[in-house]
Amino acid sequence: MRKLIVTALTVLLAVISSARAQPKEILLGALLPLTGPAAPIGIEEQQGVQFAIDQVNAKGGIGGVPVKILFDDSQGKPDQAVLAFNRMIDLNNVPALLTAFSSISLAIAPLATRREVLVVNPAAQTDKLENASPFLVNTIPLVRQEASVLAKYAIEHVGKKAAIIYENAAAGIDGSTDFRKYFQEAGGEIIAEEPVEFGQTNYRSTLLKIADANPDFVYIAITQSHEAMADQVGQMPNFPKGIGNTFSRPFFGHASTEGWYQTAIQSGYPDDDTVAAFKKQFNVEDMGFFAREYFNSTNIILKAAEKVISGGGELTGPSLRDALLAIRTFESPIANVTFESNTASRPVEILQYKGKERVIVETARAAN
């Protein structure tokens, strides 16, 4: 009799554990700038996330469990991001969400710690994200890691006198500080430095001051309004050559930026069929950098969710974080992402703008 009772309890516990491990749906969140100056980037990020969710659901979900994504609009503003984060957790209790922009990620990091929500950052790069929260992971290297690679290349191949234009926000300030440090350590000299504001579109006075300093090149650390700056650079004869990091990608394609350099996190493309499906679904000409990175990072979260569910665990912020760090290396055609800490280690490319191409001139590993 006792043996039967023990057997029955064992079966009951197994049934309860199985039921808990198989939720009706996997609910994730994404807090992105869907309106405001950064909306073009935010919409591309949203498309990458949605595409990953649609692709996995088309294959039956995760272990047969469908995945649902909730989007909320940060507007690119920290105060709005905090409201949206609390709204998403209070109303929907999501265990994990994706974020965008350094100021946003920093604003919600303490909330992620307090409420034990996994926050995955596929794009923001301020150095402060390294220790912002034990529940925040970065799937790309931070500003200092790109700056060290770029400064070394610049002093060897571009010039020894530099000026800096930086956005007066977390990523821009870090970009300026880090580039100055590594460039000066290598023997370079910063002869001018000018801040600009997030959302600014008129850069003429800043550009004139920089041009008057006559540097060999100018390091530019801004996260938006690149097209406006490129247009205004084109109105100034003989403006010095520009260099920048991953966020300088929108400078490419303008006649005024021919010959400029940027670092870029090495980011490949999925297979041709996947890219074609993305382009058709969203009626776009390319699967851009941010779409690819958010697609890839969403899949990283889903792989962590799969590990939790297959192990009989409950989907929570801590269980997803532990699963992600236990898997550690995530390989895909887009990137081989390895977490040696909360920040991924990945290769960094230095590209030069030549006509219709960005030509790789050097590749280095951005180590932690």
Protein backbone atom coordinates (compact mmCIF):
# COMPACT_ATOMS: atom_id res chain seq x y z
CA MET A 1 0.00 0.00 0.00
CA ARG A 2 2.77 2.38 0.98
CA LYS A 3 4.59 1.61 -2.28
CA LEU A 4 1.43 2.44 -4.26
CA ILE A 5 1.05 5.77 -2.45
CA VAL A 6 4.68 6.68 -3.15
CA THR A 7 4.26 5.74 -6.81
CA ALA A 8 1.07 7.77 -7.10
CA LEU A 9 2.74 10.81 -5.52
CA THR A 10 5.68 10.46 -7.89
CA VAL A 11 3.36 10.38 -10.90
CA LEU A 12 1.36 13.33 -9.55
CA LEU A 13 4.49 15.41 -9.03
CA ALA A 14 5.68 14.55 -12.53
CA VAL A 15 2.33 15.64 -13.98
CA ILE A 16 2.42 18.91 -12.00
CA SER A 17 6.02 19.55 -13.08
CA SER A 18 5.15 18.83 -16.72
CA ALA A 19 2.16 21.14 -16.60
CA ARG A 20 4.24 23.91 -15.11
CA ALA A 21 6.97 23.39 -17.69
CA GLN A 22 4.52 23.64 -20.58
CA PRO A 23 2.94 27.11 -20.44
CA LYS A 24 0.11 27.95 -22.82
CA GLU A 25 2.33 30.56 -24.47
CA ILE A 26 5.77 32.10 -24.09
CA LEU A 27 5.32 35.81 -23.55
CA LEU A 28 8.19 38.23 -24.25
CA GLY A 29 8.43 42.01 -24.47
CA ALA A 30 10.29 44.59 -26.54
CA LEU A 31 10.74 48.19 -25.45
CA LEU A 32 11.73 50.18 -28.55
CA PRO A 33 11.66 53.78 -29.87
CA LEU A 34 8.70 53.45 -32.25
CA THR A 35 8.00 57.19 -32.44
CA GLY A 36 10.25 60.25 -32.25
CA PRO A 37 13.68 60.94 -33.82
CA ALA A 38 14.90 57.36 -33.38
CA ALA A 39 11.77 55.74 -34.85
CA PRO A 40 13.42 54.61 -38.14
CA ILE A 41 15.88 52.51 -36.13
CA GLY A 42 13.20 51.36 -33.69
CA ILE A 43 10.92 50.17 -36.47
CA GLU A 44 13.74 48.19 -38.07
CA GLU A 45 14.47 46.63 -34.67
CA GLN A 46 10.77 45.80 -34.24
CA GLN A 47 10.73 44.06 -37.61
CA GLY A 48 13.70 41.89 -36.62
CA VAL A 49 12.00 40.83 -33.38
CA GLN A 50 8.64 40.16 -35.01
CA PHE A 51 10.26 38.16 -37.79
CA ALA A 52 12.03 35.89 -35.29
CA ILE A 53 8.76 35.29 -33.46
CA ASP A 54 6.87 34.59 -36.69
CA GLN A 55 9.57 32.20 -37.89
CA VAL A 56 9.60 30.12 -34.71
CA ASN A 57 5.79 30.01 -34.52
CA ALA A 58 5.64 28.82 -38.13
CA LYS A 59 7.71 25.83 -36.95
CA GLY A 60 5.37 25.07 -34.06
CA GLY A 61 6.76 27.37 -31.39
CA ILE A 62 9.19 26.29 -28.67
CA GLY A 63 8.54 22.65 -27.82
CA GLY A 64 5.05 23.05 -29.21
CA VAL A 65 4.39 26.22 -27.19
CA PRO A 66 3.55 29.37 -29.23
CA VAL A 67 5.49 32.57 -28.62
CA LYS A 68 3.88 35.99 -28.27
CA ILE A 69 5.68 39.34 -28.33
CA LEU A 70 4.43 42.57 -26.77
CA PHE A 71 5.81 45.88 -28.04
CA ASP A 72 5.80 49.18 -26.19
CA ASP A 73 7.09 52.58 -27.29
CA SER A 74 9.92 54.19 -25.31
CA GLN A 75 9.89 57.20 -27.67
CA GLY A 76 13.66 57.23 -27.12
CA LYS A 77 13.04 58.87 -23.72
CA PRO A 78 14.18 57.36 -20.38
CA ASP A 79 11.12 58.56 -18.44
CA GLN A 80 8.76 57.02 -20.98
CA ALA A 81 10.82 53.84 -20.96
CA VAL A 82 10.42 53.49 -17.20
CA LEU A 83 6.65 53.88 -17.50
CA ALA A 84 6.50 51.39 -20.34
CA PHE A 85 8.68 48.87 -18.48
CA ASN A 86 6.47 48.99 -15.39
CA ARG A 87 3.35 48.77 -17.54
CA MET A 88 4.68 45.70 -19.33
CA ILE A 89 5.61 43.91 -16.10
CA ASP A 90 2.58 44.96 -14.04
CA LEU A 91 0.02 44.08 -16.69
CA ASN A 92 1.68 41.14 -18.43
CA ASN A 93 4.44 39.85 -16.15
CA VAL A 94 6.87 39.24 -19.02
CA PRO A 95 10.02 37.39 -17.85
CA ALA A 96 12.28 38.90 -20.51
CA LEU A 97 12.36 41.84 -22.89
CA LEU A 98 14.56 43.44 -25.51
CA THR A 99 15.62 47.06 -25.24
CA ALA A 100 17.28 49.74 -27.36
CA PHE A 101 19.48 52.81 -26.78
CA SER A 102 21.90 53.34 -23.92
CA SER A 103 19.90 55.90 -21.95
CA ILE A 104 16.82 53.65 -22.10
CA SER A 105 18.72 50.54 -21.07
CA LEU A 106 20.37 52.36 -18.15
CA ALA A 107 17.03 53.78 -16.99
CA ILE A 108 15.36 50.39 -16.77
CA ALA A 109 18.37 48.44 -15.47
CA PRO A 110 17.61 49.06 -11.76
CA LEU A 111 14.00 48.00 -12.38
CA ALA A 112 15.21 44.81 -14.06
CA THR A 113 17.30 44.04 -10.97
CA ARG A 114 14.47 44.77 -8.54
CA ARG A 115 11.86 42.81 -10.47
CA GLU A 116 14.20 40.10 -11.75
CA VAL A 117 13.37 40.55 -15.43
CA LEU A 118 15.93 39.52 -18.06
CA VAL A 119 16.75 42.51 -20.28
CA VAL A 120 18.60 41.77 -23.53
CA ASN A 121 20.35 44.66 -25.26
CA PRO A 122 21.25 44.00 -28.93
CA ALA A 123 22.38 47.53 -29.86
CA ALA A 124 23.16 50.01 -27.05
CA GLN A 125 26.87 50.31 -26.30
CA THR A 126 27.60 52.68 -23.43
CA ASP A 127 30.30 51.25 -21.16
CA LYS A 128 28.00 51.74 -18.17
CA LEU A 129 25.90 48.80 -19.38
CA GLU A 130 28.69 46.44 -18.31
CA ASN A 131 27.70 46.68 -14.64
CA ALA A 132 24.23 48.19 -14.86
CA SER A 133 22.33 45.10 -13.69
CA PRO A 134 22.91 41.37 -13.15
CA PHE A 135 19.77 40.90 -15.24
CA LEU A 136 21.01 42.87 -18.27
CA VAL A 137 23.01 41.15 -21.03
CA ASN A 138 24.57 42.80 -24.07
CA THR A 139 24.81 40.83 -27.30
CA ILE A 140 27.31 43.25 -28.87
CA PRO A 141 30.61 44.69 -27.57
CA LEU A 142 30.52 48.05 -25.81
CA VAL A 143 31.84 51.42 -26.97
CA ARG A 144 35.30 51.08 -25.41
CA GLN A 145 35.91 47.81 -27.24
CA GLU A 146 35.19 49.39 -30.62
CA ALA A 147 37.05 52.58 -29.69
CA SER A 148 40.26 50.71 -28.89
CA VAL A 149 40.23 49.02 -32.31
CA LEU A 150 39.37 52.24 -34.16
CA ALA A 151 41.91 54.44 -32.36
CA LYS A 152 44.76 52.06 -33.19
CA TYR A 153 43.78 51.94 -36.86
CA ALA A 154 43.24 55.72 -37.08
CA ILE A 155 46.66 56.68 -35.79
CA GLU A 156 48.36 54.18 -38.09
CA HIS A 157 46.39 54.97 -41.27
CA VAL A 158 44.34 58.20 -40.99
CA GLY A 159 46.18 60.84 -38.95
CA LYS A 160 47.58 61.89 -35.58
CA LYS A 161 45.52 65.06 -35.00
CA ALA A 162 41.82 64.46 -34.33
CA ALA A 163 38.69 66.40 -33.48
CA ILE A 164 35.63 64.90 -31.80
CA ILE A 165 31.90 65.52 -32.23
CA TYR A 166 29.85 63.62 -29.67
CA GLU A 167 26.22 63.33 -28.65
CA ASN A 168 25.63 64.61 -25.12
CA ALA A 169 24.11 61.30 -24.00
CA ALA A 170 25.47 58.05 -22.59
CA ALA A 171 26.74 56.40 -25.79
CA GLY A 172 28.13 59.65 -27.23
CA ILE A 173 29.92 60.63 -24.02
CA ASP A 174 31.43 57.17 -23.68
CA GLY A 175 32.47 57.21 -27.32
CA SER A 176 34.27 60.51 -26.86
CA THR A 177 35.93 59.49 -23.60
CA ASP A 178 37.05 56.09 -24.83
CA PHE A 179 38.35 57.25 -28.21
CA ARG A 180 40.28 60.10 -26.59
CA LYS A 181 41.86 57.70 -24.10
CA TYR A 182 43.00 55.10 -26.63
CA PHE A 183 44.01 57.65 -29.26
CA GLN A 184 46.15 59.64 -26.83
CA GLU A 185 47.70 56.46 -25.41
CA ALA A 186 48.78 55.62 -28.96
CA GLY A 187 50.43 59.04 -29.36
CA GLY A 188 47.60 60.99 -31.00
CA GLU A 189 46.37 64.49 -30.13
CA ILE A 190 42.79 65.75 -29.74
CA ILE A 191 42.76 69.36 -30.93
CA ALA A 192 39.02 70.14 -30.78
CA GLU A 193 35.88 68.67 -29.20
CA GLU A 194 32.23 69.69 -29.63
CA PRO A 195 29.06 68.24 -28.01
CA VAL A 196 25.65 68.07 -29.75
CA GLU A 197 22.25 67.18 -28.33
CA PHE A 198 20.16 64.05 -28.95
CA GLY A 199 17.51 64.93 -31.54
CA GLN A 200 19.50 67.89 -32.89
CA THR A 201 19.32 68.38 -36.66
CA ASN A 202 21.22 71.63 -37.28
CA TYR A 203 24.96 70.99 -36.98
CA ARG A 204 26.33 73.88 -39.03
CA SER A 205 27.96 75.86 -36.22
CA THR A 206 29.50 72.69 -34.78
CA LEU A 207 30.88 71.64 -38.14
CA LEU A 208 32.36 75.10 -38.77
CA LYS A 209 34.18 75.05 -35.42
CA ILE A 210 35.59 71.61 -36.16
CA ALA A 211 36.69 72.56 -39.67
CA ASP A 212 38.42 75.70 -38.34
CA ALA A 213 40.55 73.52 -36.05
CA ASN A 214 41.95 71.77 -39.16
CA PRO A 215 42.27 68.22 -37.80
CA ASP A 216 43.46 65.26 -39.85
CA PHE A 217 40.04 63.69 -39.21
CA VAL A 218 37.01 63.97 -36.94
CA TYR A 219 35.66 61.17 -34.75
CA ILE A 220 31.84 61.38 -34.68
CA ALA A 221 29.83 59.66 -31.93
CA ILE A 222 26.11 60.26 -32.55
CA THR A 223 23.21 57.80 -32.64
CA GLN A 224 20.70 59.62 -34.86
CA SER A 225 20.24 62.47 -37.41
CA HIS A 226 23.20 61.20 -39.46
CA GLU A 227 21.52 62.14 -42.73
CA ALA A 228 21.12 65.76 -41.60
CA MET A 229 24.77 65.96 -40.59
CA ALA A 230 25.93 64.33 -43.83
CA ASP A 231 23.90 66.84 -45.87
CA GLN A 232 25.41 69.76 -43.97
CA VAL A 233 28.93 68.34 -44.30
CA GLY A 234 28.32 68.27 -48.05
CA GLN A 235 27.74 72.03 -48.00
CA MET A 236 31.21 72.65 -46.52
CA PRO A 237 34.17 72.34 -48.93
CA ASN A 238 37.14 70.33 -47.68
CA PHE A 239 35.57 69.16 -44.42
CA PRO A 240 37.93 66.67 -42.76
CA LYS A 241 37.41 62.95 -43.15
CA GLY A 242 35.07 61.36 -40.59
CA ILE A 243 35.36 58.15 -38.63
CA GLY A 244 32.94 56.51 -36.18
CA ASN A 245 31.65 53.31 -34.66
CA THR A 246 28.73 50.98 -35.41
CA PHE A 247 26.18 53.78 -35.11
CA SER A 248 27.85 55.64 -37.98
CA ARG A 249 26.31 53.20 -40.48
CA PRO A 250 23.69 55.75 -41.69
CA PHE A 251 26.49 58.05 -42.89
CA PHE A 252 27.17 55.53 -45.65
CA GLY A 253 25.84 56.30 -49.11
CA HIS A 254 26.24 60.10 -49.07
CA ALA A 255 28.61 61.78 -51.50
CA SER A 256 29.93 63.94 -48.65
CA THR A 257 31.12 60.90 -46.67
CA GLU A 258 33.11 59.19 -49.44
CA GLY A 259 36.30 57.75 -47.92
CA TRP A 260 35.04 57.86 -44.32
CA TYR A 261 35.72 55.00 -41.91
CA GLN A 262 33.66 53.22 -39.28
CA THR A 263 33.96 50.22 -37.05
CA ALA A 264 31.16 47.69 -37.26
CA ILE A 265 30.28 44.70 -35.18
CA GLN A 266 30.77 41.76 -37.54
CA SER A 267 27.21 40.86 -38.51
CA GLY A 268 26.35 38.45 -41.29
CA TYR A 269 23.11 37.54 -43.06
CA PRO A 270 20.84 34.54 -42.62
CA ASP A 271 20.41 32.21 -45.61
CA ASP A 272 18.98 33.65 -48.83
CA ASP A 273 15.50 32.20 -48.28
CA THR A 274 15.25 33.77 -44.83
CA VAL A 275 16.38 37.17 -46.10
CA ALA A 276 13.93 36.96 -49.01
CA ALA A 277 11.10 36.09 -46.59
CA PHE A 278 11.99 39.07 -44.39
CA LYS A 279 12.07 41.48 -47.34
CA LYS A 280 8.71 40.20 -48.59
CA GLN A 281 7.03 40.31 -45.17
CA PHE A 282 8.04 43.91 -44.44
CA ASN A 283 8.30 45.19 -48.03
CA VAL A 284 11.88 46.42 -47.59
CA GLU A 285 14.96 46.31 -49.80
CA ASP A 286 17.31 44.80 -47.24
CA MET A 287 17.47 43.06 -43.88
CA GLY A 288 19.50 45.79 -42.23
CA PHE A 289 21.95 45.63 -39.34
CA PHE A 290 19.43 46.38 -36.61
CA ALA A 291 16.86 43.96 -38.03
CA ARG A 292 19.48 41.20 -38.13
CA GLU A 293 20.77 41.90 -34.62
CA TYR A 294 17.29 41.97 -33.06
CA PHE A 295 16.32 38.86 -35.01
CA ASN A 296 19.42 37.10 -33.70
CA SER A 297 19.01 38.32 -30.10
CA THR A 298 15.37 37.24 -30.05
CA ASN A 299 16.49 33.79 -31.12
CA ILE A 300 19.04 33.77 -28.29
CA ILE A 301 16.24 34.38 -25.79
CA LEU A 302 14.14 31.66 -27.43
CA LYS A 303 17.01 29.16 -27.18
CA ALA A 304 17.32 29.98 -23.49
CA ALA A 305 13.55 29.49 -23.12
CA GLU A 306 13.81 26.13 -24.86
CA LYS A 307 16.51 25.03 -22.39
CA VAL A 308 14.39 26.06 -19.41
CA ILE A 309 11.25 24.31 -20.68
CA SER A 310 13.04 21.13 -21.74
CA GLY A 311 14.60 20.95 -18.27
CA GLY A 312 11.20 21.19 -16.61
CA GLY A 313 11.77 24.68 -15.27
CA GLU A 314 9.50 27.68 -15.01
CA LEU A 315 10.05 30.63 -17.36
CA THR A 316 11.26 33.47 -15.16
CA GLY A 317 13.85 36.19 -15.49
CA PRO A 318 16.38 34.29 -13.34
CA SER A 319 15.83 30.96 -15.11
CA LEU A 320 16.20 32.55 -18.55
CA ARG A 321 19.33 34.43 -17.51
CA ASP A 322 20.90 31.29 -16.03
CA ALA A 323 20.04 29.28 -19.15
CA LEU A 324 21.50 31.93 -21.46
CA LEU A 325 24.79 32.10 -19.56
CA ALA A 326 24.93 28.30 -19.29
CA ILE A 327 24.58 27.89 -23.06
CA ARG A 328 27.21 30.65 -23.35
CA THR A 329 27.90 30.39 -27.09
CA PHE A 330 25.22 30.99 -29.72
CA GLU A 331 26.25 30.30 -33.31
CA SER A 332 24.32 31.54 -36.33
CA PRO A 333 25.08 32.94 -39.80
CA ILE A 334 24.56 36.40 -38.30
CA ALA A 335 27.08 36.09 -35.49
CA ASN A 336 28.93 33.73 -33.21
CA VAL A 337 28.08 35.28 -29.86
CA THR A 338 30.04 34.19 -26.78
CA PHE A 339 29.26 35.39 -23.27
CA GLU A 340 32.39 35.45 -21.14
CA SER A 341 30.54 37.95 -18.95
CA ASN A 342 27.21 39.74 -19.37
CA THR A 343 28.66 41.31 -22.55
CA ALA A 344 29.31 39.29 -25.70
CA SER A 345 32.70 38.98 -27.32
CA ARG A 346 32.57 39.39 -31.11
CA PRO A 347 34.84 40.44 -34.00
CA VAL A 348 34.95 44.11 -35.05
CA GLU A 349 35.49 45.19 -38.66
CA ILE A 350 36.89 48.51 -39.87
CA LEU A 351 35.11 49.61 -43.02
CA GLN A 352 35.79 52.41 -45.51
CA TYR A 353 33.10 53.97 -47.67
CA LYS A 354 33.98 53.57 -51.34
CA GLY A 355 31.19 54.39 -53.75
CA LYS A 356 28.37 51.91 -53.30
CA GLU A 357 30.36 49.64 -51.00
CA ARG A 358 31.68 49.59 -47.46
CA VAL A 359 35.03 47.86 -47.89
CA ILE A 360 36.55 45.88 -45.01
CA VAL A 361 40.08 47.14 -44.40
CA GLU A 362 40.80 45.35 -41.12
CA THR A 363 39.20 42.91 -38.65
CA ALA A 364 40.05 42.62 -34.95
CA ARG A 365 38.53 40.82 -31.99
CA ALA A 366 36.79 43.04 -29.46
CA ALA A 367 37.61 41.20 -26.26
CA ASN A 368 36.15 42.04 -22.85
